Amino acid sequence: MAFLERTFAFLLTPADPALGDPSDGDRLVQRWCWYSLDDVTYPTGRLFDPQNGTEVGEGWIRIVAQW
């Protein structure tokens, strides 16, 4: 969970007026994707579990709701 939070904070932070997009505060990252939606190979990063939910998925919902 902490990794997801730190990753999202990092992706939202970098900005540069020479390189970034002026329409969104000169941010350097406009889009990204969290890969492990439901890949059992990486169970600690799963965003989705139809039976039980996941801590990472709940964290993702909280972070995205703030935008």
PDB file of N, CA and C in Angstrom:
ATOM      1  N   MET A   1       0.816  -1.191   0.000  1.00  0.00           N
ATOM      2  CA  MET A   1       0.000   0.000   0.000  1.00  0.00           C
ATOM      3  C   MET A   1       0.862   1.257   0.000  1.00  0.00           C
ATOM      4  N   ALA A   2       1.885   1.284   0.840  1.00  0.00           N
ATOM      5  CA  ALA A   2       2.764   2.453   0.900  1.00  0.00           C
ATOM      6  C   ALA A   2       3.452   2.672  -0.452  1.00  0.00           C
ATOM      7  N   PHE A   3       3.814   1.569  -1.136  1.00  0.00           N
ATOM      8  CA  PHE A   3       4.449   1.701  -2.447  1.00  0.00           C
ATOM      9  C   PHE A   3       3.505   2.375  -3.432  1.00  0.00           C
ATOM     10  N   LEU A   4       2.239   1.978  -3.454  1.00  0.00           N
ATOM     11  CA  LEU A   4       1.255   2.587  -4.342  1.00  0.00           C
ATOM     12  C   LEU A   4       1.128   4.073  -4.037  1.00  0.00           C
ATOM     13  N   GLU A   5       1.019   4.434  -2.770  1.00  0.00           N
ATOM     14  CA  GLU A   5       0.874   5.844  -2.392  1.00  0.00           C
ATOM     15  C   GLU A   5       2.099   6.664  -2.799  1.00  0.00           C
ATOM     16  N   ARG A   6       3.292   6.137  -2.545  1.00  0.00           N
ATOM     17  CA  ARG A   6       4.511   6.866  -2.914  1.00  0.00           C
ATOM     18  C   ARG A   6       4.664   6.970  -4.433  1.00  0.00           C
ATOM     19  N   THR A   7       4.290   5.915  -5.138  1.00  0.00           N
ATOM     20  CA  THR A   7       4.375   5.941  -6.598  1.00  0.00           C
ATOM     21  C   THR A   7       3.444   6.997  -7.168  1.00  0.00           C
ATOM     22  N   PHE A   8       2.203   7.024  -6.704  1.00  0.00           N
ATOM     23  CA  PHE A   8       1.257   8.017  -7.203  1.00  0.00           C
ATOM     24  C   PHE A   8       1.718   9.427  -6.856  1.00  0.00           C
ATOM     25  N   ALA A   9       2.224   9.642  -5.646  1.00  0.00           N
ATOM     26  CA  ALA A   9       2.721  10.967  -5.261  1.00  0.00           C
ATOM     27  C   ALA A   9       3.862  11.385  -6.186  1.00  0.00           C
ATOM     28  N   PHE A  10       4.768  10.468  -6.492  1.00  0.00           N
ATOM     29  CA  PHE A  10       5.865  10.784  -7.399  1.00  0.00           C
ATOM     30  C   PHE A  10       5.353  11.136  -8.792  1.00  0.00           C
ATOM     31  N   LEU A  11       4.423  10.364  -9.317  1.00  0.00           N
ATOM     32  CA  LEU A  11       3.924  10.607 -10.665  1.00  0.00           C
ATOM     33  C   LEU A  11       3.159  11.923 -10.770  1.00  0.00           C
ATOM     34  N   LEU A  12       2.571  12.381  -9.685  1.00  0.00           N
ATOM     35  CA  LEU A  12       1.841  13.650  -9.696  1.00  0.00           C
ATOM     36  C   LEU A  12       2.744  14.858  -9.468  1.00  0.00           C
ATOM     37  N   THR A  13       3.987  14.646  -9.042  1.00  0.00           N
ATOM     38  CA  THR A  13       4.848  15.739  -8.607  1.00  0.00           C
ATOM     39  C   THR A  13       5.711  16.376  -9.690  1.00  0.00           C
ATOM     40  N   PRO A  14       6.421  15.630 -10.549  1.00  0.00           N
ATOM     41  CA  PRO A  14       7.393  16.276 -11.437  1.00  0.00           C
ATOM     42  C   PRO A  14       6.741  17.243 -12.419  1.00  0.00           C
ATOM     43  N   ALA A  15       7.318  18.429 -12.502  1.00  0.00           N
ATOM     44  CA  ALA A  15       6.837  19.449 -13.431  1.00  0.00           C
ATOM     45  C   ALA A  15       8.039  20.245 -13.924  1.00  0.00           C
ATOM     46  N   ASP A  16       7.922  20.756 -15.137  1.00  0.00           N
ATOM     47  CA  ASP A  16       8.994  21.558 -15.718  1.00  0.00           C
ATOM     48  C   ASP A  16       8.372  22.465 -16.781  1.00  0.00           C
ATOM     49  N   PRO A  17       8.516  23.778 -16.643  1.00  0.00           N
ATOM     50  CA  PRO A  17       7.893  24.679 -17.618  1.00  0.00           C
ATOM     51  C   PRO A  17       8.469  24.549 -19.032  1.00  0.00           C
ATOM     52  N   ALA A  18       9.701  24.048 -19.153  1.00  0.00           N
ATOM     53  CA  ALA A  18      10.298  23.885 -20.485  1.00  0.00           C
ATOM     54  C   ALA A  18       9.841  22.601 -21.175  1.00  0.00           C
ATOM     55  N   LEU A  19       9.498  21.579 -20.396  1.00  0.00           N
ATOM     56  CA  LEU A  19       9.152  20.281 -20.975  1.00  0.00           C
ATOM     57  C   LEU A  19       7.702  19.864 -20.758  1.00  0.00           C
ATOM     58  N   GLY A  20       7.088  20.349 -19.694  1.00  0.00           N
ATOM     59  CA  GLY A  20       5.763  19.886 -19.313  1.00  0.00           C
ATOM     60  C   GLY A  20       4.642  20.476 -20.155  1.00  0.00           C
ATOM     61  N   ASP A  21       3.462  19.987 -19.904  1.00  0.00           N
ATOM     62  CA  ASP A  21       2.257  20.442 -20.595  1.00  0.00           C
ATOM     63  C   ASP A  21       1.669  21.622 -19.830  1.00  0.00           C
ATOM     64  N   PRO A  22       1.666  22.842 -20.427  1.00  0.00           N
ATOM     65  CA  PRO A  22       1.172  24.006 -19.699  1.00  0.00           C
ATOM     66  C   PRO A  22      -0.304  23.914 -19.313  1.00  0.00           C
ATOM     67  N   SER A  23      -1.075  23.094 -20.016  1.00  0.00           N
ATOM     68  CA  SER A  23      -2.503  22.998 -19.698  1.00  0.00           C
ATOM     69  C   SER A  23      -2.767  22.244 -18.390  1.00  0.00           C
ATOM     70  N   ASP A  24      -1.739  21.563 -17.846  1.00  0.00           N
ATOM     71  CA  ASP A  24      -1.942  20.870 -16.563  1.00  0.00           C
ATOM     72  C   ASP A  24      -0.816  21.166 -15.566  1.00  0.00           C
ATOM     73  N   GLY A  25      -0.398  22.426 -15.534  1.00  0.00           N
ATOM     74  CA  GLY A  25       0.592  22.831 -14.548  1.00  0.00           C
ATOM     75  C   GLY A  25       2.009  22.391 -14.888  1.00  0.00           C
ATOM     76  N   ASP A  26       2.301  22.206 -16.169  1.00  0.00           N
ATOM     77  CA  ASP A  26       3.630  21.790 -16.635  1.00  0.00           C
ATOM     78  C   ASP A  26       4.058  20.431 -16.118  1.00  0.00           C
ATOM     79  N   ARG A  27       3.103  19.580 -15.774  1.00  0.00           N
ATOM     80  CA  ARG A  27       3.449  18.233 -15.293  1.00  0.00           C
ATOM     81  C   ARG A  27       4.163  17.450 -16.385  1.00  0.00           C
ATOM     82  N   LEU A  28       5.090  16.602 -15.966  1.00  0.00           N
ATOM     83  CA  LEU A  28       5.832  15.771 -16.910  1.00  0.00           C
ATOM     84  C   LEU A  28       5.139  14.442 -17.176  1.00  0.00           C
ATOM     85  N   VAL A  29       4.253  14.030 -16.282  1.00  0.00           N
ATOM     86  CA  VAL A  29       3.521  12.768 -16.453  1.00  0.00           C
ATOM     87  C   VAL A  29       2.038  13.109 -16.522  1.00  0.00           C
ATOM     88  N   GLN A  30       1.420  12.820 -17.659  1.00  0.00           N
ATOM     89  CA  GLN A  30      -0.008  13.083 -17.806  1.00  0.00           C
ATOM     90  C   GLN A  30      -0.863  11.836 -17.590  1.00  0.00           C
ATOM     91  N   ARG A  31      -0.309  10.657 -17.862  1.00  0.00           N
ATOM     92  CA  ARG A  31      -1.068   9.410 -17.714  1.00  0.00           C
ATOM     93  C   ARG A  31      -0.149   8.294 -17.249  1.00  0.00           C
ATOM     94  N   TRP A  32      -0.719   7.358 -16.522  1.00  0.00           N
ATOM     95  CA  TRP A  32       0.004   6.149 -16.159  1.00  0.00           C
ATOM     96  C   TRP A  32      -1.011   5.068 -15.855  1.00  0.00           C
ATOM     97  N   CYS A  33      -0.530   3.848 -15.756  1.00  0.00           N
ATOM     98  CA  CYS A  33      -1.403   2.705 -15.513  1.00  0.00           C
ATOM     99  C   CYS A  33      -0.789   1.810 -14.444  1.00  0.00           C
ATOM    100  N   TRP A  34      -1.581   1.382 -13.492  1.00  0.00           N
ATOM    101  CA  TRP A  34      -1.140   0.407 -12.494  1.00  0.00           C
ATOM    102  C   TRP A  34      -1.443  -0.960 -13.084  1.00  0.00           C
ATOM    103  N   TYR A  35      -0.398  -1.724 -13.408  1.00  0.00           N
ATOM    104  CA  TYR A  35      -0.572  -2.951 -14.183  1.00  0.00           C
ATOM    105  C   TYR A  35      -1.405  -4.027 -13.499  1.00  0.00           C
ATOM    106  N   SER A  36      -1.106  -4.357 -12.281  1.00  0.00           N
ATOM    107  CA  SER A  36      -1.592  -5.606 -11.703  1.00  0.00           C
ATOM    108  C   SER A  36      -3.040  -5.526 -11.226  1.00  0.00           C
ATOM    109  N   LEU A  37      -3.967  -5.453 -12.165  1.00  0.00           N
ATOM    110  CA  LEU A  37      -5.380  -5.411 -11.804  1.00  0.00           C
ATOM    111  C   LEU A  37      -5.805  -6.682 -11.086  1.00  0.00           C
ATOM    112  N   ASP A  38      -5.518  -7.822 -11.687  1.00  0.00           N
ATOM    113  CA  ASP A  38      -5.908  -9.093 -11.069  1.00  0.00           C
ATOM    114  C   ASP A  38      -4.968 -10.208 -11.517  1.00  0.00           C
ATOM    115  N   ASP A  39      -3.678  -9.950 -11.453  1.00  0.00           N
ATOM    116  CA  ASP A  39      -2.681 -10.943 -11.848  1.00  0.00           C
ATOM    117  C   ASP A  39      -2.199 -11.659 -10.591  1.00  0.00           C
ATOM    118  N   VAL A  40      -2.534 -12.918 -10.445  1.00  0.00           N
ATOM    119  CA  VAL A  40      -2.173 -13.664  -9.234  1.00  0.00           C
ATOM    120  C   VAL A  40      -0.670 -13.902  -9.120  1.00  0.00           C
ATOM    121  N   THR A  41       0.080 -13.631 -10.193  1.00  0.00           N
ATOM    122  CA  THR A  41       1.535 -13.736 -10.128  1.00  0.00           C
ATOM    123  C   THR A  41       2.098 -12.703  -9.162  1.00  0.00           C
ATOM    124  N   TYR A  42       1.447 -11.545  -9.059  1.00  0.00           N
ATOM    125  CA  TYR A  42       1.863 -10.448  -8.185  1.00  0.00           C
ATOM    126  C   TYR A  42       0.735 -10.137  -7.204  1.00  0.00           C
ATOM    127  N   PRO A  43       0.452 -11.010  -6.269  1.00  0.00           N
ATOM    128  CA  PRO A  43      -0.731 -10.857  -5.420  1.00  0.00           C
ATOM    129  C   PRO A  43      -0.709  -9.619  -4.521  1.00  0.00           C
ATOM    130  N   THR A  44       0.458  -9.077  -4.206  1.00  0.00           N
ATOM    131  CA  THR A  44       0.485  -7.908  -3.324  1.00  0.00           C
ATOM    132  C   THR A  44       0.140  -6.619  -4.043  1.00  0.00           C
ATOM    133  N   GLY A  45       0.072  -6.640  -5.361  1.00  0.00           N
ATOM    134  CA  GLY A  45      -0.244  -5.436  -6.110  1.00  0.00           C
ATOM    135  C   GLY A  45      -1.602  -5.467  -6.777  1.00  0.00           C
ATOM    136  N   ARG A  46      -2.388  -6.490  -6.477  1.00  0.00           N
ATOM    137  CA  ARG A  46      -3.693  -6.640  -7.129  1.00  0.00           C
ATOM    138  C   ARG A  46      -4.646  -5.521  -6.723  1.00  0.00           C
ATOM    139  N   LEU A  47      -5.283  -4.886  -7.695  1.00  0.00           N
ATOM    140  CA  LEU A  47      -6.292  -3.875  -7.417  1.00  0.00           C
ATOM    141  C   LEU A  47      -7.681  -4.487  -7.268  1.00  0.00           C
ATOM    142  N   PHE A  48      -7.859  -5.714  -7.717  1.00  0.00           N
ATOM    143  CA  PHE A  48      -9.197  -6.296  -7.778  1.00  0.00           C
ATOM    144  C   PHE A  48      -9.200  -7.731  -7.270  1.00  0.00           C
ATOM    145  N   ASP A  49     -10.111  -8.031  -6.399  1.00  0.00           N
ATOM    146  CA  ASP A  49     -10.396  -9.401  -5.966  1.00  0.00           C
ATOM    147  C   ASP A  49     -11.902  -9.454  -5.757  1.00  0.00           C
ATOM    148  N   PRO A  50     -12.634 -10.156  -6.617  1.00  0.00           N
ATOM    149  CA  PRO A  50     -14.097 -10.119  -6.564  1.00  0.00           C
ATOM    150  C   PRO A  50     -14.693 -10.638  -5.260  1.00  0.00           C
ATOM    151  N   GLN A  51     -13.995 -11.516  -4.549  1.00  0.00           N
ATOM    152  CA  GLN A  51     -14.542 -12.053  -3.311  1.00  0.00           C
ATOM    153  C   GLN A  51     -14.235 -11.172  -2.094  1.00  0.00           C
ATOM    154  N   ASN A  52     -13.021 -10.659  -2.009  1.00  0.00           N
ATOM    155  CA  ASN A  52     -12.594 -10.012  -0.773  1.00  0.00           C
ATOM    156  C   ASN A  52     -12.168  -8.556  -0.903  1.00  0.00           C
ATOM    157  N   GLY A  53     -12.044  -8.040  -2.118  1.00  0.00           N
ATOM    158  CA  GLY A  53     -11.445  -6.721  -2.281  1.00  0.00           C
ATOM    159  C   GLY A  53      -9.963  -6.814  -1.954  1.00  0.00           C
ATOM    160  N   THR A  54      -9.233  -5.724  -2.073  1.00  0.00           N
ATOM    161  CA  THR A  54      -7.816  -5.727  -1.724  1.00  0.00           C
ATOM    162  C   THR A  54      -7.471  -4.405  -1.047  1.00  0.00           C
ATOM    163  N   GLU A  55      -6.456  -4.418  -0.205  1.00  0.00           N
ATOM    164  CA  GLU A  55      -6.009  -3.197   0.446  1.00  0.00           C
ATOM    165  C   GLU A  55      -5.498  -2.196  -0.593  1.00  0.00           C
ATOM    166  N   VAL A  56      -4.762  -2.687  -1.581  1.00  0.00           N
ATOM    167  CA  VAL A  56      -4.240  -1.816  -2.626  1.00  0.00           C
ATOM    168  C   VAL A  56      -5.385  -1.224  -3.443  1.00  0.00           C
ATOM    169  N   GLY A  57      -6.384  -2.017  -3.760  1.00  0.00           N
ATOM    170  CA  GLY A  57      -7.543  -1.519  -4.499  1.00  0.00           C
ATOM    171  C   GLY A  57      -8.289  -0.447  -3.733  1.00  0.00           C
ATOM    172  N   GLU A  58      -8.472  -0.645  -2.439  1.00  0.00           N
ATOM    173  CA  GLU A  58      -9.140   0.372  -1.603  1.00  0.00           C
ATOM    174  C   GLU A  58      -8.311   1.652  -1.556  1.00  0.00           C
ATOM    175  N   GLY A  59      -6.983   1.505  -1.461  1.00  0.00           N
ATOM    176  CA  GLY A  59      -6.104   2.670  -1.478  1.00  0.00           C
ATOM    177  C   GLY A  59      -6.179   3.409  -2.795  1.00  0.00           C
ATOM    178  N   TRP A  60      -6.218   2.655  -3.899  1.00  0.00           N
ATOM    179  CA  TRP A  60      -6.334   3.260  -5.220  1.00  0.00           C
ATOM    180  C   TRP A  60      -7.623   4.075  -5.317  1.00  0.00           C
ATOM    181  N   ILE A  61      -8.720   3.526  -4.804  1.00  0.00           N
ATOM    182  CA  ILE A  61     -10.003   4.244  -4.825  1.00  0.00           C
ATOM    183  C   ILE A  61      -9.891   5.548  -4.046  1.00  0.00           C
ATOM    184  N   ARG A  62      -9.269   5.520  -2.863  1.00  0.00           N
ATOM    185  CA  ARG A  62      -9.117   6.743  -2.054  1.00  0.00           C
ATOM    186  C   ARG A  62      -8.281   7.800  -2.781  1.00  0.00           C
ATOM    187  N   ILE A  63      -7.185   7.368  -3.404  1.00  0.00           N
ATOM    188  CA  ILE A  63      -6.299   8.315  -4.093  1.00  0.00           C
ATOM    189  C   ILE A  63      -7.004   8.932  -5.300  1.00  0.00           C
ATOM    190  N   VAL A  64      -7.630   8.110  -6.113  1.00  0.00           N
ATOM    191  CA  VAL A  64      -8.280   8.592  -7.320  1.00  0.00           C
ATOM    192  C   VAL A  64      -9.465   9.509  -6.976  1.00  0.00           C
ATOM    193  N   ALA A  65     -10.147   9.244  -5.902  1.00  0.00           N
ATOM    194  CA  ALA A  65     -11.283  10.081  -5.503  1.00  0.00           C
ATOM    195  C   ALA A  65     -10.865  11.511  -5.178  1.00  0.00           C
ATOM    196  N   GLN A  66      -9.589  11.725  -4.860  1.00  0.00           N
ATOM    197  CA  GLN A  66      -9.113  13.064  -4.521  1.00  0.00           C
ATOM    198  C   GLN A  66      -8.893  13.943  -5.754  1.00  0.00           C
ATOM    199  N   TRP A  67      -8.839  13.345  -6.966  1.00  0.00           N
ATOM    200  CA  TRP A  67      -8.579  14.148  -8.164  1.00  0.00           C
ATOM    201  C   TRP A  67      -9.823  14.846  -8.580  1.00  0.00           C
TER     202      TRP A  67
END
